[in-house]
Amino acid sequence: VINALPTVNNPTDLTVCGNESVAAIVFSSPNSLATSYQW
């Protein structure tokens, strides 16, 4: 059984001002294989 390698969508780069809240960065897998992510 040869497992396909998981992939991750390239999250959108963010530009914010100092002291502003940054929305949560959400990771997703286009082939739905990824079960976890290390960052």
PDB file of all heavy atoms in Angstrom:
ATOM      1  N   VAL A   1       0.876  -1.187   0.000  1.00  0.00           N
ATOM      2  CA  VAL A   1       0.000   0.000   0.000  1.00  0.00           C
ATOM      3  C   VAL A   1       0.901   1.221   0.000  1.00  0.00           C
ATOM      4  O   VAL A   1       1.697   1.434   0.923  1.00  0.00           O
ATOM      5  CB  VAL A   1      -0.930   0.027   1.222  1.00  0.00           C
ATOM      6  CG1 VAL A   1      -1.765   1.306   1.201  1.00  0.00           C
ATOM      7  CG2 VAL A   1      -1.809  -1.216   1.224  1.00  0.00           C
ATOM      8  N   ILE A   2       0.808   1.908  -1.071  1.00  0.00           N
ATOM      9  CA  ILE A   2       1.624   3.129  -1.184  1.00  0.00           C
ATOM     10  C   ILE A   2       0.720   4.326  -0.925  1.00  0.00           C
ATOM     11  O   ILE A   2      -0.195   4.623  -1.708  1.00  0.00           O
ATOM     12  CB  ILE A   2       2.274   3.249  -2.568  1.00  0.00           C
ATOM     13  CG1 ILE A   2       3.161   2.022  -2.833  1.00  0.00           C
ATOM     14  CG2 ILE A   2       3.085   4.534  -2.697  1.00  0.00           C
ATOM     15  CD1 ILE A   2       3.732   1.984  -4.220  1.00  0.00           C
ATOM     16  N   ASN A   3       0.946   4.959   0.230  1.00  0.00           N
ATOM     17  CA  ASN A   3       0.117   6.111   0.601  1.00  0.00           C
ATOM     18  C   ASN A   3       0.533   7.334  -0.215  1.00  0.00           C
ATOM     19  O   ASN A   3       1.720   7.612  -0.409  1.00  0.00           O
ATOM     20  CB  ASN A   3       0.269   6.422   2.086  1.00  0.00           C
ATOM     21  CG  ASN A   3      -0.286   5.306   2.968  1.00  0.00           C
ATOM     22  OD1 ASN A   3      -1.317   4.710   2.638  1.00  0.00           O
ATOM     23  ND2 ASN A   3       0.399   5.005   4.066  1.00  0.00           N
ATOM     24  N   ALA A   4      -0.463   8.038  -0.681  1.00  0.00           N
ATOM     25  CA  ALA A   4      -0.171   9.312  -1.360  1.00  0.00           C
ATOM     26  C   ALA A   4       0.346  10.322  -0.351  1.00  0.00           C
ATOM     27  O   ALA A   4      -0.041  10.325   0.834  1.00  0.00           O
ATOM     28  CB  ALA A   4      -1.437   9.843  -2.035  1.00  0.00           C
ATOM     29  N   LEU A   5       1.239  11.162  -0.799  1.00  0.00           N
ATOM     30  CA  LEU A   5       1.754  12.200   0.115  1.00  0.00           C
ATOM     31  C   LEU A   5       0.689  13.269   0.347  1.00  0.00           C
ATOM     32  O   LEU A   5       0.027  13.722  -0.594  1.00  0.00           O
ATOM     33  CB  LEU A   5       3.013  12.838  -0.479  1.00  0.00           C
ATOM     34  CG  LEU A   5       4.263  11.952  -0.513  1.00  0.00           C
ATOM     35  CD1 LEU A   5       5.392  12.701  -1.199  1.00  0.00           C
ATOM     36  CD2 LEU A   5       4.656  11.522   0.896  1.00  0.00           C
ATOM     37  N   PRO A   6       0.536  13.688   1.581  1.00  0.00           N
ATOM     38  CA  PRO A   6      -0.436  14.757   1.845  1.00  0.00           C
ATOM     39  C   PRO A   6       0.101  16.088   1.325  1.00  0.00           C
ATOM     40  O   PRO A   6       1.307  16.294   1.186  1.00  0.00           O
ATOM     41  CB  PRO A   6      -0.542  14.770   3.367  1.00  0.00           C
ATOM     42  CG  PRO A   6       0.790  14.283   3.831  1.00  0.00           C
ATOM     43  CD  PRO A   6       1.230  13.272   2.799  1.00  0.00           C
ATOM     44  N   THR A   7      -0.816  16.950   0.992  1.00  0.00           N
ATOM     45  CA  THR A   7      -0.452  18.312   0.578  1.00  0.00           C
ATOM     46  C   THR A   7      -1.217  19.306   1.427  1.00  0.00           C
ATOM     47  O   THR A   7      -2.171  18.967   2.128  1.00  0.00           O
ATOM     48  CB  THR A   7      -0.773  18.550  -0.906  1.00  0.00           C
ATOM     49  OG1 THR A   7      -2.168  18.311  -1.110  1.00  0.00           O
ATOM     50  CG2 THR A   7       0.043  17.616  -1.800  1.00  0.00           C
ATOM     51  N   VAL A   8      -0.785  20.585   1.356  1.00  0.00           N
ATOM     52  CA  VAL A   8      -1.450  21.634   2.113  1.00  0.00           C
ATOM     53  C   VAL A   8      -1.669  22.819   1.206  1.00  0.00           C
ATOM     54  O   VAL A   8      -0.829  23.142   0.350  1.00  0.00           O
ATOM     55  CB  VAL A   8      -0.609  22.051   3.345  1.00  0.00           C
ATOM     56  CG1 VAL A   8       0.742  22.607   2.950  1.00  0.00           C
ATOM     57  CG2 VAL A   8      -1.364  23.077   4.198  1.00  0.00           C
ATOM     58  N   ASN A   9      -2.846  23.412   1.328  1.00  0.00           N
ATOM     59  CA  ASN A   9      -3.080  24.637   0.583  1.00  0.00           C
ATOM     60  C   ASN A   9      -2.122  25.723   1.065  1.00  0.00           C
ATOM     61  O   ASN A   9      -1.822  25.821   2.264  1.00  0.00           O
ATOM     62  CB  ASN A   9      -4.518  25.119   0.785  1.00  0.00           C
ATOM     63  CG  ASN A   9      -5.512  24.291  -0.016  1.00  0.00           C
ATOM     64  OD1 ASN A   9      -5.225  23.894  -1.150  1.00  0.00           O
ATOM     65  ND2 ASN A   9      -6.671  24.028   0.564  1.00  0.00           N
ATOM     66  N   ASN A  10      -1.669  26.521   0.150  1.00  0.00           N
ATOM     67  CA  ASN A  10      -0.787  27.628   0.526  1.00  0.00           C
ATOM     68  C   ASN A  10      -1.641  28.727   1.157  1.00  0.00           C
ATOM     69  O   ASN A  10      -2.419  29.380   0.462  1.00  0.00           O
ATOM     70  CB  ASN A  10      -0.049  28.155  -0.701  1.00  0.00           C
ATOM     71  CG  ASN A  10       1.010  29.167  -0.314  1.00  0.00           C
ATOM     72  OD1 ASN A  10       1.385  29.264   0.835  1.00  0.00           O
ATOM     73  ND2 ASN A  10       1.472  29.920  -1.299  1.00  0.00           N
ATOM     74  N   PRO A  11      -1.547  28.903   2.479  1.00  0.00           N
ATOM     75  CA  PRO A  11      -2.395  29.933   3.102  1.00  0.00           C
ATOM     76  C   PRO A  11      -2.074  31.322   2.537  1.00  0.00           C
ATOM     77  O   PRO A  11      -0.972  31.583   2.059  1.00  0.00           O
ATOM     78  CB  PRO A  11      -2.023  29.856   4.592  1.00  0.00           C
ATOM     79  CG  PRO A  11      -1.397  28.515   4.760  1.00  0.00           C
ATOM     80  CD  PRO A  11      -0.704  28.240   3.464  1.00  0.00           C
ATOM     81  N   THR A  12      -3.045  32.206   2.585  1.00  0.00           N
ATOM     82  CA  THR A  12      -2.871  33.559   2.049  1.00  0.00           C
ATOM     83  C   THR A  12      -1.963  34.379   2.962  1.00  0.00           C
ATOM     84  O   THR A  12      -2.122  34.390   4.191  1.00  0.00           O
ATOM     85  CB  THR A  12      -4.231  34.269   1.930  1.00  0.00           C
ATOM     86  OG1 THR A  12      -5.088  33.477   1.099  1.00  0.00           O
ATOM     87  CG2 THR A  12      -4.066  35.656   1.331  1.00  0.00           C
ATOM     88  N   ASP A  13      -0.989  35.040   2.329  1.00  0.00           N
ATOM     89  CA  ASP A  13      -0.133  35.939   3.115  1.00  0.00           C
ATOM     90  C   ASP A  13      -0.976  37.044   3.749  1.00  0.00           C
ATOM     91  O   ASP A  13      -1.995  37.485   3.189  1.00  0.00           O
ATOM     92  CB  ASP A  13       0.934  36.577   2.219  1.00  0.00           C
ATOM     93  CG  ASP A  13       1.968  35.561   1.746  1.00  0.00           C
ATOM     94  OD1 ASP A  13       2.058  34.488   2.365  1.00  0.00           O
ATOM     95  OD2 ASP A  13       2.669  35.866   0.756  1.00  0.00           O
ATOM     96  N   LEU A  14      -0.529  37.493   4.925  1.00  0.00           N
ATOM     97  CA  LEU A  14      -1.276  38.505   5.677  1.00  0.00           C
ATOM     98  C   LEU A  14      -0.439  39.771   5.845  1.00  0.00           C
ATOM     99  O   LEU A  14       0.774  39.696   6.072  1.00  0.00           O
ATOM    100  CB  LEU A  14      -1.649  37.980   7.065  1.00  0.00           C
ATOM    101  CG  LEU A  14      -2.552  36.745   7.126  1.00  0.00           C
ATOM    102  CD1 LEU A  14      -2.709  36.306   8.575  1.00  0.00           C
ATOM    103  CD2 LEU A  14      -3.900  37.057   6.518  1.00  0.00           C
ATOM    104  N   THR A  15      -1.095  40.913   5.735  1.00  0.00           N
ATOM    105  CA  THR A  15      -0.468  42.198   6.054  1.00  0.00           C
ATOM    106  C   THR A  15      -1.381  42.937   7.023  1.00  0.00           C
ATOM    107  O   THR A  15      -2.563  43.166   6.728  1.00  0.00           O
ATOM    108  CB  THR A  15      -0.246  43.057   4.796  1.00  0.00           C
ATOM    109  OG1 THR A  15       0.631  42.361   3.906  1.00  0.00           O
ATOM    110  CG2 THR A  15       0.388  44.395   5.159  1.00  0.00           C
ATOM    111  N   VAL A  16      -0.834  43.282   8.193  1.00  0.00           N
ATOM    112  CA  VAL A  16      -1.633  43.950   9.219  1.00  0.00           C
ATOM    113  C   VAL A  16      -0.811  45.106   9.798  1.00  0.00           C
ATOM    114  O   VAL A  16       0.380  45.253   9.523  1.00  0.00           O
ATOM    115  CB  VAL A  16      -2.027  42.976  10.351  1.00  0.00           C
ATOM    116  CG1 VAL A  16      -2.926  41.874   9.820  1.00  0.00           C
ATOM    117  CG2 VAL A  16      -0.780  42.400  11.017  1.00  0.00           C
ATOM    118  N   CYS A  17      -1.476  45.927  10.584  1.00  0.00           N
ATOM    119  CA  CYS A  17      -0.797  46.998  11.321  1.00  0.00           C
ATOM    120  C   CYS A  17      -0.474  46.522  12.723  1.00  0.00           C
ATOM    121  O   CYS A  17      -1.144  45.621  13.263  1.00  0.00           O
ATOM    122  CB  CYS A  17      -1.679  48.245  11.392  1.00  0.00           C
ATOM    123  SG  CYS A  17      -1.978  49.032   9.788  1.00  0.00           S
ATOM    124  N   GLY A  18       0.535  47.100  13.307  1.00  0.00           N
ATOM    125  CA  GLY A  18       0.876  46.770  14.679  1.00  0.00           C
ATOM    126  C   GLY A  18      -0.309  46.950  15.602  1.00  0.00           C
ATOM    127  O   GLY A  18      -1.135  47.850  15.423  1.00  0.00           O
ATOM    128  N   ASN A  19      -0.388  46.081  16.603  1.00  0.00           N
ATOM    129  CA  ASN A  19      -1.462  46.107  17.604  1.00  0.00           C
ATOM    130  C   ASN A  19      -2.822  45.720  17.037  1.00  0.00           C
ATOM    131  O   ASN A  19      -3.839  45.903  17.706  1.00  0.00           O
ATOM    132  CB  ASN A  19      -1.574  47.469  18.297  1.00  0.00           C
ATOM    133  CG  ASN A  19      -0.412  47.739  19.226  1.00  0.00           C
ATOM    134  OD1 ASN A  19       0.193  46.802  19.747  1.00  0.00           O
ATOM    135  ND2 ASN A  19      -0.088  49.000  19.428  1.00  0.00           N
ATOM    136  N   GLU A  20      -2.860  45.194  15.824  1.00  0.00           N
ATOM    137  CA  GLU A  20      -4.129  44.719  15.272  1.00  0.00           C
ATOM    138  C   GLU A  20      -4.246  43.207  15.479  1.00  0.00           C
ATOM    139  O   GLU A  20      -3.249  42.492  15.475  1.00  0.00           O
ATOM    140  CB  GLU A  20      -4.230  45.034  13.779  1.00  0.00           C
ATOM    141  CG  GLU A  20      -4.478  46.494  13.473  1.00  0.00           C
ATOM    142  CD  GLU A  20      -4.739  46.725  11.992  1.00  0.00           C
ATOM    143  OE1 GLU A  20      -4.814  45.730  11.230  1.00  0.00           O
ATOM    144  OE2 GLU A  20      -4.859  47.909  11.605  1.00  0.00           O
ATOM    145  N   SER A  21      -5.486  42.755  15.609  1.00  0.00           N
ATOM    146  CA  SER A  21      -5.720  41.315  15.758  1.00  0.00           C
ATOM    147  C   SER A  21      -5.537  40.615  14.413  1.00  0.00           C
ATOM    148  O   SER A  21      -5.928  41.132  13.363  1.00  0.00           O
ATOM    149  CB  SER A  21      -7.134  41.054  16.274  1.00  0.00           C
ATOM    150  OG  SER A  21      -7.266  41.551  17.585  1.00  0.00           O
ATOM    151  N   VAL A  22      -4.917  39.450  14.481  1.00  0.00           N
ATOM    152  CA  VAL A  22      -4.693  38.649  13.278  1.00  0.00           C
ATOM    153  C   VAL A  22      -5.665  37.464  13.308  1.00  0.00           C
ATOM    154  O   VAL A  22      -5.708  36.725  14.291  1.00  0.00           O
ATOM    155  CB  VAL A  22      -3.234  38.151  13.223  1.00  0.00           C
ATOM    156  CG1 VAL A  22      -3.024  37.253  12.007  1.00  0.00           C
ATOM    157  CG2 VAL A  22      -2.272  39.335  13.185  1.00  0.00           C
ATOM    158  N   ALA A  23      -6.440  37.355  12.239  1.00  0.00           N
ATOM    159  CA  ALA A  23      -7.398  36.246  12.178  1.00  0.00           C
ATOM    160  C   ALA A  23      -6.656  34.916  12.156  1.00  0.00           C
ATOM    161  O   ALA A  23      -5.514  34.815  11.701  1.00  0.00           O
ATOM    162  CB  ALA A  23      -8.270  36.386  10.931  1.00  0.00           C
ATOM    163  N   ALA A  24      -7.306  33.872  12.669  1.00  0.00           N
ATOM    164  CA  ALA A  24      -6.685  32.554  12.732  1.00  0.00           C
ATOM    165  C   ALA A  24      -6.271  32.083  11.344  1.00  0.00           C
ATOM    166  O   ALA A  24      -6.998  32.239  10.370  1.00  0.00           O
ATOM    167  CB  ALA A  24      -7.650  31.559  13.354  1.00  0.00           C
ATOM    168  N   ILE A  25      -5.060  31.535  11.272  1.00  0.00           N
ATOM    169  CA  ILE A  25      -4.581  30.940  10.028  1.00  0.00           C
ATOM    170  C   ILE A  25      -5.037  29.478  10.013  1.00  0.00           C
ATOM    171  O   ILE A  25      -4.676  28.696  10.891  1.00  0.00           O
ATOM    172  CB  ILE A  25      -3.052  31.018   9.943  1.00  0.00           C
ATOM    173  CG1 ILE A  25      -2.605  32.491  10.023  1.00  0.00           C
ATOM    174  CG2 ILE A  25      -2.552  30.380   8.665  1.00  0.00           C
ATOM    175  CD1 ILE A  25      -1.109  32.645  10.139  1.00  0.00           C
ATOM    176  N   VAL A  26      -5.850  29.126   9.038  1.00  0.00           N
ATOM    177  CA  VAL A  26      -6.423  27.786   8.965  1.00  0.00           C
ATOM    178  C   VAL A  26      -5.724  27.008   7.845  1.00  0.00           C
ATOM    179  O   VAL A  26      -5.589  27.501   6.728  1.00  0.00           O
ATOM    180  CB  VAL A  26      -7.938  27.833   8.701  1.00  0.00           C
ATOM    181  CG1 VAL A  26      -8.510  26.412   8.586  1.00  0.00           C
ATOM    182  CG2 VAL A  26      -8.630  28.626   9.817  1.00  0.00           C
ATOM    183  N   PHE A  27      -5.292  25.761   8.167  1.00  0.00           N
ATOM    184  CA  PHE A  27      -4.638  24.919   7.183  1.00  0.00           C
ATOM    185  C   PHE A  27      -5.652  23.917   6.626  1.00  0.00           C
ATOM    186  O   PHE A  27      -6.536  23.432   7.342  1.00  0.00           O
ATOM    187  CB  PHE A  27      -3.477  24.149   7.827  1.00  0.00           C
ATOM    188  CG  PHE A  27      -2.445  25.055   8.456  1.00  0.00           C
ATOM    189  CD1 PHE A  27      -2.088  24.908   9.788  1.00  0.00           C
ATOM    190  CD2 PHE A  27      -1.845  26.056   7.717  1.00  0.00           C
ATOM    191  CE1 PHE A  27      -1.153  25.721  10.363  1.00  0.00           C
ATOM    192  CE2 PHE A  27      -0.900  26.882   8.288  1.00  0.00           C
ATOM    193  CZ  PHE A  27      -0.547  26.727   9.619  1.00  0.00           C
ATOM    194  N   SER A  28      -5.502  23.634   5.351  1.00  0.00           N
ATOM    195  CA  SER A  28      -6.369  22.608   4.739  1.00  0.00           C
ATOM    196  C   SER A  28      -5.558  21.854   3.682  1.00  0.00           C
ATOM    197  O   SER A  28      -4.550  22.352   3.187  1.00  0.00           O
ATOM    198  CB  SER A  28      -7.606  23.257   4.100  1.00  0.00           C
ATOM    199  OG  SER A  28      -7.225  24.142   3.052  1.00  0.00           O
ATOM    200  N   SER A  29      -6.038  20.649   3.377  1.00  0.00           N
ATOM    201  CA  SER A  29      -5.341  19.791   2.417  1.00  0.00           C
ATOM    202  C   SER A  29      -6.210  19.631   1.179  1.00  0.00           C
ATOM    203  O   SER A  29      -7.364  19.181   1.274  1.00  0.00           O
ATOM    204  CB  SER A  29      -5.057  18.419   3.042  1.00  0.00           C
ATOM    205  OG  SER A  29      -4.489  17.554   2.094  1.00  0.00           O
ATOM    206  N   PRO A  30      -5.686  19.979   0.008  1.00  0.00           N
ATOM    207  CA  PRO A  30      -6.525  19.869  -1.208  1.00  0.00           C
ATOM    208  C   PRO A  30      -6.907  18.433  -1.530  1.00  0.00           C
ATOM    209  O   PRO A  30      -7.952  18.190  -2.123  1.00  0.00           O
ATOM    210  CB  PRO A  30      -5.644  20.481  -2.300  1.00  0.00           C
ATOM    211  CG  PRO A  30      -4.240  20.369  -1.787  1.00  0.00           C
ATOM    212  CD  PRO A  30      -4.352  20.503  -0.301  1.00  0.00           C
ATOM    213  N   ASN A  31      -6.066  17.456  -1.172  1.00  0.00           N
ATOM    214  CA  ASN A  31      -6.445  16.072  -1.426  1.00  0.00           C
ATOM    215  C   ASN A  31      -6.999  15.371  -0.197  1.00  0.00           C
ATOM    216  O   ASN A  31      -7.152  14.154  -0.174  1.00  0.00           O
ATOM    217  CB  ASN A  31      -5.259  15.282  -1.977  1.00  0.00           C
ATOM    218  CG  ASN A  31      -4.066  15.309  -1.028  1.00  0.00           C
ATOM    219  OD1 ASN A  31      -4.181  15.802   0.100  1.00  0.00           O
ATOM    220  ND2 ASN A  31      -2.936  14.767  -1.489  1.00  0.00           N
ATOM    221  N   SER A  32      -7.266  16.206   0.804  1.00  0.00           N
ATOM    222  CA  SER A  32      -7.913  15.727   2.045  1.00  0.00           C
ATOM    223  C   SER A  32      -7.157  14.619   2.735  1.00  0.00           C
ATOM    224  O   SER A  32      -7.729  13.825   3.494  1.00  0.00           O
ATOM    225  CB  SER A  32      -9.362  15.269   1.768  1.00  0.00           C
ATOM    226  OG  SER A  32     -10.110  16.329   1.225  1.00  0.00           O
ATOM    227  N   LEU A  33      -5.879  14.468   2.448  1.00  0.00           N
ATOM    228  CA  LEU A  33      -5.115  13.403   3.070  1.00  0.00           C
ATOM    229  C   LEU A  33      -4.511  13.825   4.408  1.00  0.00           C
ATOM    230  O   LEU A  33      -4.315  13.000   5.297  1.00  0.00           O
ATOM    231  CB  LEU A  33      -4.004  12.944   2.120  1.00  0.00           C
ATOM    232  CG  LEU A  33      -4.453  12.189   0.862  1.00  0.00           C
ATOM    233  CD1 LEU A  33      -3.236  11.859   0.010  1.00  0.00           C
ATOM    234  CD2 LEU A  33      -5.202  10.915   1.258  1.00  0.00           C
ATOM    235  N   ALA A  34      -4.195  15.094   4.510  1.00  0.00           N
ATOM    236  CA  ALA A  34      -3.486  15.547   5.715  1.00  0.00           C
ATOM    237  C   ALA A  34      -4.386  15.409   6.936  1.00  0.00           C
ATOM    238  O   ALA A  34      -5.567  15.773   6.921  1.00  0.00           O
ATOM    239  CB  ALA A  34      -3.029  16.984   5.558  1.00  0.00           C
ATOM    240  N   THR A  35      -3.838  14.801   7.950  1.00  0.00           N
ATOM    241  CA  THR A  35      -4.575  14.669   9.210  1.00  0.00           C
ATOM    242  C   THR A  35      -4.041  15.590  10.296  1.00  0.00           C
ATOM    243  O   THR A  35      -4.693  15.788  11.321  1.00  0.00           O
ATOM    244  CB  THR A  35      -4.496  13.214   9.706  1.00  0.00           C
ATOM    245  OG1 THR A  35      -3.120  12.837   9.828  1.00  0.00           O
ATOM    246  CG2 THR A  35      -5.197  12.278   8.715  1.00  0.00           C
ATOM    247  N   SER A  36      -2.860  16.155  10.061  1.00  0.00           N
ATOM    248  CA  SER A  36      -2.305  17.117  11.026  1.00  0.00           C
ATOM    249  C   SER A  36      -1.251  17.953  10.315  1.00  0.00           C
ATOM    250  O   SER A  36      -0.810  17.626   9.201  1.00  0.00           O
ATOM    251  CB  SER A  36      -1.691  16.394  12.233  1.00  0.00           C
ATOM    252  OG  SER A  36      -0.549  15.642  11.839  1.00  0.00           O
ATOM    253  N   TYR A  37      -0.866  19.037  10.974  1.00  0.00           N
ATOM    254  CA  TYR A  37       0.109  19.950  10.391  1.00  0.00           C
ATOM    255  C   TYR A  37       1.091  20.376  11.469  1.00  0.00           C
ATOM    256  O   TYR A  37       0.717  20.612  12.624  1.00  0.00           O
ATOM    257  CB  TYR A  37      -0.589  21.201   9.835  1.00  0.00           C
ATOM    258  CG  TYR A  37      -1.697  20.891   8.859  1.00  0.00           C
ATOM    259  CD1 TYR A  37      -3.013  20.698   9.299  1.00  0.00           C
ATOM    260  CD2 TYR A  37      -1.438  20.784   7.497  1.00  0.00           C
ATOM    261  CE1 TYR A  37      -4.030  20.425   8.419  1.00  0.00           C
ATOM    262  CE2 TYR A  37      -2.454  20.491   6.599  1.00  0.00           C
ATOM    263  CZ  TYR A  37      -3.752  20.314   7.062  1.00  0.00           C
ATOM    264  OH  TYR A  37      -4.762  20.036   6.184  1.00  0.00           O
ATOM    265  N   GLN A  38       2.309  20.435  11.108  1.00  0.00           N
ATOM    266  CA  GLN A  38       3.334  20.999  11.983  1.00  0.00           C
ATOM    267  C   GLN A  38       3.756  22.342  11.399  1.00  0.00           C
ATOM    268  O   GLN A  38       3.965  22.472  10.187  1.00  0.00           O
ATOM    269  CB  GLN A  38       4.550  20.066  12.065  1.00  0.00           C
ATOM    270  CG  GLN A  38       4.275  18.735  12.722  1.00  0.00           C
ATOM    271  CD  GLN A  38       4.100  18.866  14.230  1.00  0.00           C
ATOM    272  OE1 GLN A  38       4.681  19.745  14.844  1.00  0.00           O
ATOM    273  NE2 GLN A  38       3.295  17.993  14.807  1.00  0.00           N
ATOM    274  N   TRP A  39       3.880  23.338  12.253  1.00  0.00           N
ATOM    275  CA  TRP A  39       4.296  24.658  11.749  1.00  0.00           C
ATOM    276  C   TRP A  39       5.411  25.223  12.617  1.00  0.00           C
ATOM    277  O   TRP A  39       5.542  24.896  13.804  1.00  0.00           O
ATOM    278  CB  TRP A  39       3.119  25.636  11.687  1.00  0.00           C
ATOM    279  CG  TRP A  39       2.372  25.813  12.996  1.00  0.00           C
ATOM    280  CD1 TRP A  39       1.264  25.148  13.383  1.00  0.00           C
ATOM    281  CD2 TRP A  39       2.711  26.692  14.068  1.00  0.00           C
ATOM    282  NE1 TRP A  39       0.844  25.539  14.639  1.00  0.00           N
ATOM    283  CE2 TRP A  39       1.735  26.518  15.079  1.00  0.00           C
ATOM    284  CE3 TRP A  39       3.724  27.621  14.280  1.00  0.00           C
ATOM    285  CZ2 TRP A  39       1.763  27.211  16.281  1.00  0.00           C
ATOM    286  CZ3 TRP A  39       3.740  28.328  15.471  1.00  0.00           C
ATOM    287  CH2 TRP A  39       2.769  28.120  16.453  1.00  0.00           C
TER     288      TRP A  39
END
